[in-house]
Amino acid sequence: MVRHVILWKLKDMPEAEKIAVKAGIKAGLEGLAGQIPGLLEVHVYTDALPSSANADLMLDTTLTDEAALKGYAVHPAHVAVADGKVRPYTAVRTCLDFTV
């Protein structure tokens, strides 16, 4: 299995807008469950502890293998969420993919 983890720092925006953007990202990405071959689990965490966090949200996915990860990256449903709900609001993206 492969884990695909992303941390995002959002662009500067009013707090109310940031809350709405985070909710949209969470709904969009978690809504991919069952739509993409090889995507076993998808979780988005938006409530970081303020004492140590330097990211605004995290995506934690589990996929069957590296081929599934490659397919996920270009799947139209994923691309639509990334282009519509994530990329327009992202200042910094950090990713780590690894085998478990």
PDB file of N, CA and C in Angstrom:
ATOM      1  N   MET A   1       0.848  -1.185   0.000  1.00  0.00           N
ATOM      2  CA  MET A   1       0.000   0.000   0.000  1.00  0.00           C
ATOM      3  C   MET A   1       0.887   1.241   0.000  1.00  0.00           C
ATOM      4  N   VAL A   2       0.305   2.334  -0.461  1.00  0.00           N
ATOM      5  CA  VAL A   2       0.995   3.613  -0.548  1.00  0.00           C
ATOM      6  C   VAL A   2       0.195   4.654   0.223  1.00  0.00           C
ATOM      7  N   ARG A   3       0.914   5.467   0.989  1.00  0.00           N
ATOM      8  CA  ARG A   3       0.289   6.611   1.660  1.00  0.00           C
ATOM      9  C   ARG A   3       0.702   7.864   0.904  1.00  0.00           C
ATOM     10  N   HIS A   4      -0.248   8.745   0.726  1.00  0.00           N
ATOM     11  CA  HIS A   4      -0.061  10.020   0.039  1.00  0.00           C
ATOM     12  C   HIS A   4      -0.546  11.088   1.011  1.00  0.00           C
ATOM     13  N   VAL A   5       0.403  11.868   1.549  1.00  0.00           N
ATOM     14  CA  VAL A   5       0.090  12.864   2.571  1.00  0.00           C
ATOM     15  C   VAL A   5       0.490  14.243   2.052  1.00  0.00           C
ATOM     16  N   ILE A   6      -0.428  15.189   2.175  1.00  0.00           N
ATOM     17  CA  ILE A   6      -0.154  16.562   1.754  1.00  0.00           C
ATOM     18  C   ILE A   6      -0.512  17.510   2.892  1.00  0.00           C
ATOM     19  N   LEU A   7       0.357  18.488   3.106  1.00  0.00           N
ATOM     20  CA  LEU A   7       0.080  19.598   4.016  1.00  0.00           C
ATOM     21  C   LEU A   7      -0.027  20.862   3.181  1.00  0.00           C
ATOM     22  N   TRP A   8      -1.025  21.682   3.477  1.00  0.00           N
ATOM     23  CA  TRP A   8      -1.198  22.943   2.778  1.00  0.00           C
ATOM     24  C   TRP A   8      -1.192  24.108   3.748  1.00  0.00           C
ATOM     25  N   LYS A   9      -0.587  25.179   3.336  1.00  0.00           N
ATOM     26  CA  LYS A   9      -0.715  26.485   3.971  1.00  0.00           C
ATOM     27  C   LYS A   9      -1.535  27.317   3.001  1.00  0.00           C
ATOM     28  N   LEU A  10      -2.642  27.842   3.472  1.00  0.00           N
ATOM     29  CA  LEU A  10      -3.518  28.621   2.599  1.00  0.00           C
ATOM     30  C   LEU A  10      -3.022  30.050   2.447  1.00  0.00           C
ATOM     31  N   LYS A  11      -3.452  30.699   1.385  1.00  0.00           N
ATOM     32  CA  LYS A  11      -3.158  32.115   1.175  1.00  0.00           C
ATOM     33  C   LYS A  11      -3.805  32.926   2.291  1.00  0.00           C
ATOM     34  N   ASP A  12      -3.301  34.127   2.502  1.00  0.00           N
ATOM     35  CA  ASP A  12      -3.915  35.013   3.490  1.00  0.00           C
ATOM     36  C   ASP A  12      -5.323  35.369   3.040  1.00  0.00           C
ATOM     37  N   MET A  13      -6.261  35.261   3.997  1.00  0.00           N
ATOM     38  CA  MET A  13      -7.656  35.589   3.739  1.00  0.00           C
ATOM     39  C   MET A  13      -8.345  35.768   5.081  1.00  0.00           C
ATOM     40  N   PRO A  14      -9.490  36.409   5.103  1.00  0.00           N
ATOM     41  CA  PRO A  14     -10.234  36.549   6.350  1.00  0.00           C
ATOM     42  C   PRO A  14     -10.567  35.172   6.946  1.00  0.00           C
ATOM     43  N   GLU A  15     -10.632  35.096   8.255  1.00  0.00           N
ATOM     44  CA  GLU A  15     -10.844  33.821   8.937  1.00  0.00           C
ATOM     45  C   GLU A  15     -12.134  33.137   8.489  1.00  0.00           C
ATOM     46  N   ALA A  16     -13.202  33.881   8.308  1.00  0.00           N
ATOM     47  CA  ALA A  16     -14.468  33.278   7.870  1.00  0.00           C
ATOM     48  C   ALA A  16     -14.317  32.631   6.493  1.00  0.00           C
ATOM     49  N   GLU A  17     -13.584  33.270   5.606  1.00  0.00           N
ATOM     50  CA  GLU A  17     -13.349  32.695   4.280  1.00  0.00           C
ATOM     51  C   GLU A  17     -12.470  31.450   4.390  1.00  0.00           C
ATOM     52  N   LYS A  18     -11.460  31.500   5.263  1.00  0.00           N
ATOM     53  CA  LYS A  18     -10.561  30.354   5.448  1.00  0.00           C
ATOM     54  C   LYS A  18     -11.343  29.137   5.941  1.00  0.00           C
ATOM     55  N   ILE A  19     -12.270  29.352   6.851  1.00  0.00           N
ATOM     56  CA  ILE A  19     -13.096  28.252   7.363  1.00  0.00           C
ATOM     57  C   ILE A  19     -13.917  27.638   6.226  1.00  0.00           C
ATOM     58  N   ALA A  20     -14.497  28.489   5.383  1.00  0.00           N
ATOM     59  CA  ALA A  20     -15.300  27.997   4.256  1.00  0.00           C
ATOM     60  C   ALA A  20     -14.435  27.262   3.237  1.00  0.00           C
ATOM     61  N   VAL A  21     -13.253  27.781   2.957  1.00  0.00           N
ATOM     62  CA  VAL A  21     -12.344  27.142   2.003  1.00  0.00           C
ATOM     63  C   VAL A  21     -11.923  25.768   2.530  1.00  0.00           C
ATOM     64  N   LYS A  22     -11.570  25.688   3.794  1.00  0.00           N
ATOM     65  CA  LYS A  22     -11.169  24.403   4.381  1.00  0.00           C
ATOM     66  C   LYS A  22     -12.316  23.393   4.321  1.00  0.00           C
ATOM     67  N   ALA A  23     -13.530  23.842   4.585  1.00  0.00           N
ATOM     68  CA  ALA A  23     -14.692  22.948   4.508  1.00  0.00           C
ATOM     69  C   ALA A  23     -14.911  22.470   3.076  1.00  0.00           C
ATOM     70  N   GLY A  24     -14.725  23.340   2.106  1.00  0.00           N
ATOM     71  CA  GLY A  24     -14.880  22.954   0.702  1.00  0.00           C
ATOM     72  C   GLY A  24     -13.826  21.958   0.255  1.00  0.00           C
ATOM     73  N   ILE A  25     -12.591  22.164   0.695  1.00  0.00           N
ATOM     74  CA  ILE A  25     -11.513  21.228   0.373  1.00  0.00           C
ATOM     75  C   ILE A  25     -11.802  19.868   0.994  1.00  0.00           C
ATOM     76  N   LYS A  26     -12.188  19.869   2.255  1.00  0.00           N
ATOM     77  CA  LYS A  26     -12.486  18.608   2.953  1.00  0.00           C
ATOM     78  C   LYS A  26     -13.616  17.859   2.250  1.00  0.00           C
ATOM     79  N   ALA A  27     -14.709  18.546   1.955  1.00  0.00           N
ATOM     80  CA  ALA A  27     -15.852  17.897   1.293  1.00  0.00           C
ATOM     81  C   ALA A  27     -15.456  17.391  -0.099  1.00  0.00           C
ATOM     82  N   GLY A  28     -14.728  18.202  -0.831  1.00  0.00           N
ATOM     83  CA  GLY A  28     -14.339  17.805  -2.182  1.00  0.00           C
ATOM     84  C   GLY A  28     -13.432  16.593  -2.205  1.00  0.00           C
ATOM     85  N   LEU A  29     -12.377  16.616  -1.399  1.00  0.00           N
ATOM     86  CA  LEU A  29     -11.428  15.499  -1.417  1.00  0.00           C
ATOM     87  C   LEU A  29     -12.012  14.234  -0.784  1.00  0.00           C
ATOM     88  N   GLU A  30     -12.700  14.366   0.337  1.00  0.00           N
ATOM     89  CA  GLU A  30     -13.300  13.172   0.949  1.00  0.00           C
ATOM     90  C   GLU A  30     -14.427  12.619   0.085  1.00  0.00           C
ATOM     91  N   GLY A  31     -15.013  13.460  -0.736  1.00  0.00           N
ATOM     92  CA  GLY A  31     -16.043  13.016  -1.665  1.00  0.00           C
ATOM     93  C   GLY A  31     -15.513  12.147  -2.799  1.00  0.00           C
ATOM     94  N   LEU A  32     -14.198  12.060  -2.928  1.00  0.00           N
ATOM     95  CA  LEU A  32     -13.596  11.199  -3.956  1.00  0.00           C
ATOM     96  C   LEU A  32     -13.633   9.723  -3.567  1.00  0.00           C
ATOM     97  N   ALA A  33     -13.912   9.433  -2.309  1.00  0.00           N
ATOM     98  CA  ALA A  33     -13.976   8.042  -1.849  1.00  0.00           C
ATOM     99  C   ALA A  33     -14.976   7.271  -2.708  1.00  0.00           C
ATOM    100  N   GLY A  34     -14.545   6.125  -3.198  1.00  0.00           N
ATOM    101  CA  GLY A  34     -15.402   5.284  -4.019  1.00  0.00           C
ATOM    102  C   GLY A  34     -15.447   5.673  -5.487  1.00  0.00           C
ATOM    103  N   GLN A  35     -14.810   6.774  -5.873  1.00  0.00           N
ATOM    104  CA  GLN A  35     -14.835   7.228  -7.266  1.00  0.00           C
ATOM    105  C   GLN A  35     -13.570   6.897  -8.045  1.00  0.00           C
ATOM    106  N   ILE A  36     -12.473   6.642  -7.318  1.00  0.00           N
ATOM    107  CA  ILE A  36     -11.180   6.497  -7.989  1.00  0.00           C
ATOM    108  C   ILE A  36     -10.617   5.107  -7.709  1.00  0.00           C
ATOM    109  N   PRO A  37     -10.327   4.339  -8.748  1.00  0.00           N
ATOM    110  CA  PRO A  37      -9.778   2.995  -8.553  1.00  0.00           C
ATOM    111  C   PRO A  37      -8.492   3.032  -7.723  1.00  0.00           C
ATOM    112  N   GLY A  38      -8.423   2.159  -6.730  1.00  0.00           N
ATOM    113  CA  GLY A  38      -7.231   2.041  -5.907  1.00  0.00           C
ATOM    114  C   GLY A  38      -7.170   2.980  -4.724  1.00  0.00           C
ATOM    115  N   LEU A  39      -8.087   3.938  -4.631  1.00  0.00           N
ATOM    116  CA  LEU A  39      -8.138   4.848  -3.484  1.00  0.00           C
ATOM    117  C   LEU A  39      -8.904   4.156  -2.363  1.00  0.00           C
ATOM    118  N   LEU A  40      -8.181   3.737  -1.330  1.00  0.00           N
ATOM    119  CA  LEU A  40      -8.778   2.968  -0.244  1.00  0.00           C
ATOM    120  C   LEU A  40      -9.342   3.847   0.869  1.00  0.00           C
ATOM    121  N   GLU A  41      -8.606   4.891   1.240  1.00  0.00           N
ATOM    122  CA  GLU A  41      -9.042   5.795   2.311  1.00  0.00           C
ATOM    123  C   GLU A  41      -8.630   7.209   1.961  1.00  0.00           C
ATOM    124  N   VAL A  42      -9.462   8.160   2.357  1.00  0.00           N
ATOM    125  CA  VAL A  42      -9.128   9.572   2.170  1.00  0.00           C
ATOM    126  C   VAL A  42      -9.697  10.355   3.350  1.00  0.00           C
ATOM    127  N   HIS A  43      -8.804  11.083   4.014  1.00  0.00           N
ATOM    128  CA  HIS A  43      -9.190  11.894   5.177  1.00  0.00           C
ATOM    129  C   HIS A  43      -8.534  13.264   5.055  1.00  0.00           C
ATOM    130  N   VAL A  44      -9.304  14.297   5.373  1.00  0.00           N
ATOM    131  CA  VAL A  44      -8.774  15.651   5.397  1.00  0.00           C
ATOM    132  C   VAL A  44      -8.966  16.187   6.810  1.00  0.00           C
ATOM    133  N   TYR A  45      -7.875  16.680   7.381  1.00  0.00           N
ATOM    134  CA  TYR A  45      -7.885  17.220   8.743  1.00  0.00           C
ATOM    135  C   TYR A  45      -7.726  18.734   8.659  1.00  0.00           C
ATOM    136  N   THR A  46      -8.645  19.454   9.317  1.00  0.00           N
ATOM    137  CA  THR A  46      -8.673  20.909   9.203  1.00  0.00           C
ATOM    138  C   THR A  46      -8.519  21.629  10.535  1.00  0.00           C
ATOM    139  N   ASP A  47      -8.531  20.915  11.635  1.00  0.00           N
ATOM    140  CA  ASP A  47      -8.503  21.540  12.957  1.00  0.00           C
ATOM    141  C   ASP A  47      -7.174  21.284  13.649  1.00  0.00           C
ATOM    142  N   ALA A  48      -6.148  21.998  13.215  1.00  0.00           N
ATOM    143  CA  ALA A  48      -4.823  21.845  13.801  1.00  0.00           C
ATOM    144  C   ALA A  48      -4.772  22.509  15.174  1.00  0.00           C
ATOM    145  N   LEU A  49      -3.941  21.964  16.032  1.00  0.00           N
ATOM    146  CA  LEU A  49      -3.707  22.605  17.320  1.00  0.00           C
ATOM    147  C   LEU A  49      -2.870  23.866  17.084  1.00  0.00           C
ATOM    148  N   PRO A  50      -3.292  24.990  17.604  1.00  0.00           N
ATOM    149  CA  PRO A  50      -2.587  26.241  17.318  1.00  0.00           C
ATOM    150  C   PRO A  50      -1.208  26.327  17.958  1.00  0.00           C
ATOM    151  N   SER A  51      -0.937  25.500  18.928  1.00  0.00           N
ATOM    152  CA  SER A  51       0.327  25.593  19.653  1.00  0.00           C
ATOM    153  C   SER A  51       1.541  25.210  18.819  1.00  0.00           C
ATOM    154  N   SER A  52       1.359  24.348  17.811  1.00  0.00           N
ATOM    155  CA  SER A  52       2.536  23.883  17.081  1.00  0.00           C
ATOM    156  C   SER A  52       2.340  23.811  15.566  1.00  0.00           C
ATOM    157  N   ALA A  53       1.171  24.061  15.079  1.00  0.00           N
ATOM    158  CA  ALA A  53       0.897  23.873  13.658  1.00  0.00           C
ATOM    159  C   ALA A  53       1.430  25.025  12.819  1.00  0.00           C
ATOM    160  N   ASN A  54       2.001  24.682  11.658  1.00  0.00           N
ATOM    161  CA  ASN A  54       2.370  25.706  10.694  1.00  0.00           C
ATOM    162  C   ASN A  54       1.768  25.398   9.324  1.00  0.00           C
ATOM    163  N   ALA A  55       0.770  24.516   9.310  1.00  0.00           N
ATOM    164  CA  ALA A  55      -0.015  24.216   8.112  1.00  0.00           C
ATOM    165  C   ALA A  55      -1.485  24.394   8.483  1.00  0.00           C
ATOM    166  N   ASP A  56      -2.309  24.627   7.467  1.00  0.00           N
ATOM    167  CA  ASP A  56      -3.732  24.849   7.716  1.00  0.00           C
ATOM    168  C   ASP A  56      -4.573  23.583   7.611  1.00  0.00           C
ATOM    169  N   LEU A  57      -4.154  22.649   6.773  1.00  0.00           N
ATOM    170  CA  LEU A  57      -4.895  21.396   6.644  1.00  0.00           C
ATOM    171  C   LEU A  57      -4.013  20.312   6.061  1.00  0.00           C
ATOM    172  N   MET A  58      -4.479  19.068   6.213  1.00  0.00           N
ATOM    173  CA  MET A  58      -3.708  17.915   5.782  1.00  0.00           C
ATOM    174  C   MET A  58      -4.614  16.909   5.088  1.00  0.00           C
ATOM    175  N   LEU A  59      -4.116  16.368   3.986  1.00  0.00           N
ATOM    176  CA  LEU A  59      -4.752  15.257   3.283  1.00  0.00           C
ATOM    177  C   LEU A  59      -3.971  13.999   3.615  1.00  0.00           C
ATOM    178  N   ASP A  60      -4.660  12.946   4.006  1.00  0.00           N
ATOM    179  CA  ASP A  60      -4.034  11.662   4.319  1.00  0.00           C
ATOM    180  C   ASP A  60      -4.797  10.589   3.552  1.00  0.00           C
ATOM    181  N   THR A  61      -4.158  10.026   2.523  1.00  0.00           N
ATOM    182  CA  THR A  61      -4.817   9.007   1.709  1.00  0.00           C
ATOM    183  C   THR A  61      -4.028   7.707   1.731  1.00  0.00           C
ATOM    184  N   THR A  62      -4.740   6.621   1.533  1.00  0.00           N
ATOM    185  CA  THR A  62      -4.130   5.307   1.375  1.00  0.00           C
ATOM    186  C   THR A  62      -4.608   4.752   0.039  1.00  0.00           C
ATOM    187  N   LEU A  63      -3.643   4.295  -0.751  1.00  0.00           N
ATOM    188  CA  LEU A  63      -3.935   3.725  -2.064  1.00  0.00           C
ATOM    189  C   LEU A  63      -3.323   2.335  -2.153  1.00  0.00           C
ATOM    190  N   THR A  64      -3.817   1.548  -3.090  1.00  0.00           N
ATOM    191  CA  THR A  64      -3.363   0.160  -3.185  1.00  0.00           C
ATOM    192  C   THR A  64      -1.891   0.041  -3.545  1.00  0.00           C
ATOM    193  N   ASP A  65      -1.406   0.911  -4.440  1.00  0.00           N
ATOM    194  CA  ASP A  65      -0.025   0.810  -4.894  1.00  0.00           C
ATOM    195  C   ASP A  65       0.366   2.091  -5.625  1.00  0.00           C
ATOM    196  N   GLU A  66       1.609   2.129  -6.102  1.00  0.00           N
ATOM    197  CA  GLU A  66       2.101   3.328  -6.779  1.00  0.00           C
ATOM    198  C   GLU A  66       1.347   3.605  -8.088  1.00  0.00           C
ATOM    199  N   ALA A  67       0.927   2.559  -8.768  1.00  0.00           N
ATOM    200  CA  ALA A  67       0.150   2.750  -9.995  1.00  0.00           C
ATOM    201  C   ALA A  67      -1.181   3.441  -9.680  1.00  0.00           C
ATOM    202  N   ALA A  68      -1.806   3.072  -8.567  1.00  0.00           N
ATOM    203  CA  ALA A  68      -3.056   3.717  -8.165  1.00  0.00           C
ATOM    204  C   ALA A  68      -2.822   5.186  -7.832  1.00  0.00           C
ATOM    205  N   LEU A  69      -1.690   5.493  -7.201  1.00  0.00           N
ATOM    206  CA  LEU A  69      -1.350   6.883  -6.899  1.00  0.00           C
ATOM    207  C   LEU A  69      -1.205   7.685  -8.184  1.00  0.00           C
ATOM    208  N   LYS A  70      -0.538   7.122  -9.176  1.00  0.00           N
ATOM    209  CA  LYS A  70      -0.376   7.808 -10.453  1.00  0.00           C
ATOM    210  C   LYS A  70      -1.729   8.028 -11.129  1.00  0.00           C
ATOM    211  N   GLY A  71      -2.615   7.037 -11.043  1.00  0.00           N
ATOM    212  CA  GLY A  71      -3.946   7.177 -11.610  1.00  0.00           C
ATOM    213  C   GLY A  71      -4.781   8.218 -10.881  1.00  0.00           C
ATOM    214  N   TYR A  72      -4.643   8.258  -9.559  1.00  0.00           N
ATOM    215  CA  TYR A  72      -5.347   9.243  -8.730  1.00  0.00           C
ATOM    216  C   TYR A  72      -4.949  10.658  -9.139  1.00  0.00           C
ATOM    217  N   ALA A  73      -3.662  10.864  -9.370  1.00  0.00           N
ATOM    218  CA  ALA A  73      -3.156  12.198  -9.689  1.00  0.00           C
ATOM    219  C   ALA A  73      -3.792  12.785 -10.941  1.00  0.00           C
ATOM    220  N   VAL A  74      -4.132  11.955 -11.902  1.00  0.00           N
ATOM    221  CA  VAL A  74      -4.668  12.455 -13.176  1.00  0.00           C
ATOM    222  C   VAL A  74      -6.159  12.151 -13.362  1.00  0.00           C
ATOM    223  N   HIS A  75      -6.770  11.503 -12.380  1.00  0.00           N
ATOM    224  CA  HIS A  75      -8.194  11.173 -12.499  1.00  0.00           C
ATOM    225  C   HIS A  75      -9.015  12.464 -12.596  1.00  0.00           C
ATOM    226  N   PRO A  76      -9.958  12.544 -13.542  1.00  0.00           N
ATOM    227  CA  PRO A  76     -10.728  13.774 -13.736  1.00  0.00           C
ATOM    228  C   PRO A  76     -11.446  14.282 -12.482  1.00  0.00           C
ATOM    229  N   ALA A  77     -11.952  13.394 -11.656  1.00  0.00           N
ATOM    230  CA  ALA A  77     -12.643  13.832 -10.437  1.00  0.00           C
ATOM    231  C   ALA A  77     -11.659  14.498  -9.474  1.00  0.00           C
ATOM    232  N   HIS A  78     -10.468  13.917  -9.347  1.00  0.00           N
ATOM    233  CA  HIS A  78      -9.445  14.510  -8.477  1.00  0.00           C
ATOM    234  C   HIS A  78      -8.961  15.838  -9.044  1.00  0.00           C
ATOM    235  N   VAL A  79      -8.697  15.892 -10.327  1.00  0.00           N
ATOM    236  CA  VAL A  79      -8.218  17.119 -10.964  1.00  0.00           C
ATOM    237  C   VAL A  79      -9.249  18.242 -10.794  1.00  0.00           C
ATOM    238  N   ALA A  80     -10.531  17.915 -10.904  1.00  0.00           N
ATOM    239  CA  ALA A  80     -11.582  18.922 -10.748  1.00  0.00           C
ATOM    240  C   ALA A  80     -11.576  19.508  -9.337  1.00  0.00           C
ATOM    241  N   VAL A  81     -11.414  18.663  -8.330  1.00  0.00           N
ATOM    242  CA  VAL A  81     -11.364  19.153  -6.953  1.00  0.00           C
ATOM    243  C   VAL A  81     -10.094  19.975  -6.737  1.00  0.00           C
ATOM    244  N   ALA A  82      -8.968  19.457  -7.208  1.00  0.00           N
ATOM    245  CA  ALA A  82      -7.693  20.168  -7.034  1.00  0.00           C
ATOM    246  C   ALA A  82      -7.734  21.543  -7.705  1.00  0.00           C
ATOM    247  N   ASP A  83      -8.233  21.592  -8.932  1.00  0.00           N
ATOM    248  CA  ASP A  83      -8.266  22.856  -9.669  1.00  0.00           C
ATOM    249  C   ASP A  83      -9.327  23.826  -9.150  1.00  0.00           C
ATOM    250  N   GLY A  84     -10.444  23.287  -8.655  1.00  0.00           N
ATOM    251  CA  GLY A  84     -11.548  24.146  -8.239  1.00  0.00           C
ATOM    252  C   GLY A  84     -11.571  24.529  -6.780  1.00  0.00           C
ATOM    253  N   LYS A  85     -11.077  23.639  -5.917  1.00  0.00           N
ATOM    254  CA  LYS A  85     -11.206  23.876  -4.483  1.00  0.00           C
ATOM    255  C   LYS A  85      -9.883  24.034  -3.741  1.00  0.00           C
ATOM    256  N   VAL A  86      -8.790  23.540  -4.304  1.00  0.00           N
ATOM    257  CA  VAL A  86      -7.521  23.544  -3.576  1.00  0.00           C
ATOM    258  C   VAL A  86      -6.538  24.572  -4.134  1.00  0.00           C
ATOM    259  N   ARG A  87      -6.126  24.405  -5.362  1.00  0.00           N
ATOM    260  CA  ARG A  87      -5.050  25.238  -5.929  1.00  0.00           C
ATOM    261  C   ARG A  87      -5.311  26.747  -5.875  1.00  0.00           C
ATOM    262  N   PRO A  88      -6.538  27.208  -6.097  1.00  0.00           N
ATOM    263  CA  PRO A  88      -6.747  28.661  -6.067  1.00  0.00           C
ATOM    264  C   PRO A  88      -6.463  29.301  -4.703  1.00  0.00           C
ATOM    265  N   TYR A  89      -6.473  28.512  -3.633  1.00  0.00           N
ATOM    266  CA  TYR A  89      -6.339  29.049  -2.283  1.00  0.00           C
ATOM    267  C   TYR A  89      -5.029  28.673  -1.601  1.00  0.00           C
ATOM    268  N   THR A  90      -4.176  27.935  -2.297  1.00  0.00           N
ATOM    269  CA  THR A  90      -2.964  27.388  -1.687  1.00  0.00           C
ATOM    270  C   THR A  90      -1.763  28.307  -1.876  1.00  0.00           C
ATOM    271  N   ALA A  91      -1.075  28.583  -0.760  1.00  0.00           N
ATOM    272  CA  ALA A  91       0.181  29.330  -0.807  1.00  0.00           C
ATOM    273  C   ALA A  91       1.362  28.373  -0.833  1.00  0.00           C
ATOM    274  N   VAL A  92       1.298  27.315  -0.019  1.00  0.00           N
ATOM    275  CA  VAL A  92       2.401  26.346   0.089  1.00  0.00           C
ATOM    276  C   VAL A  92       1.822  24.937   0.141  1.00  0.00           C
ATOM    277  N   ARG A  93       2.434  24.035  -0.617  1.00  0.00           N
ATOM    278  CA  ARG A  93       2.031  22.621  -0.623  1.00  0.00           C
ATOM    279  C   ARG A  93       3.255  21.776  -0.349  1.00  0.00           C
ATOM    280  N   THR A  94       3.125  20.840   0.597  1.00  0.00           N
ATOM    281  CA  THR A  94       4.193  19.896   0.899  1.00  0.00           C
ATOM    282  C   THR A  94       3.607  18.501   0.805  1.00  0.00           C
ATOM    283  N   CYS A  95       4.303  17.600   0.120  1.00  0.00           N
ATOM    284  CA  CYS A  95       3.791  16.252  -0.117  1.00  0.00           C
ATOM    285  C   CYS A  95       4.820  15.225   0.282  1.00  0.00           C
ATOM    286  N   LEU A  96       4.334  14.092   0.804  1.00  0.00           N
ATOM    287  CA  LEU A  96       5.181  12.927   1.069  1.00  0.00           C
ATOM    288  C   LEU A  96       4.391  11.689   0.679  1.00  0.00           C
ATOM    289  N   ASP A  97       4.953  10.903  -0.235  1.00  0.00           N
ATOM    290  CA  ASP A  97       4.380   9.617  -0.639  1.00  0.00           C
ATOM    291  C   ASP A  97       5.325   8.540  -0.146  1.00  0.00           C
ATOM    292  N   PHE A  98       4.774   7.464   0.422  1.00  0.00           N
ATOM    293  CA  PHE A  98       5.624   6.397   0.939  1.00  0.00           C
ATOM    294  C   PHE A  98       4.870   5.085   0.958  1.00  0.00           C
ATOM    295  N   THR A  99       5.629   4.005   0.975  1.00  0.00           N
ATOM    296  CA  THR A  99       5.068   2.663   1.020  1.00  0.00           C
ATOM    297  C   THR A  99       4.877   2.233   2.457  1.00  0.00           C
ATOM    298  N   VAL A 100       3.735   1.603   2.742  1.00  0.00           N
ATOM    299  CA  VAL A 100       3.483   1.065   4.088  1.00  0.00           C
ATOM    300  C   VAL A 100       3.287  -0.439   4.013  1.00  0.00           C
TER     301      VAL A 100
END
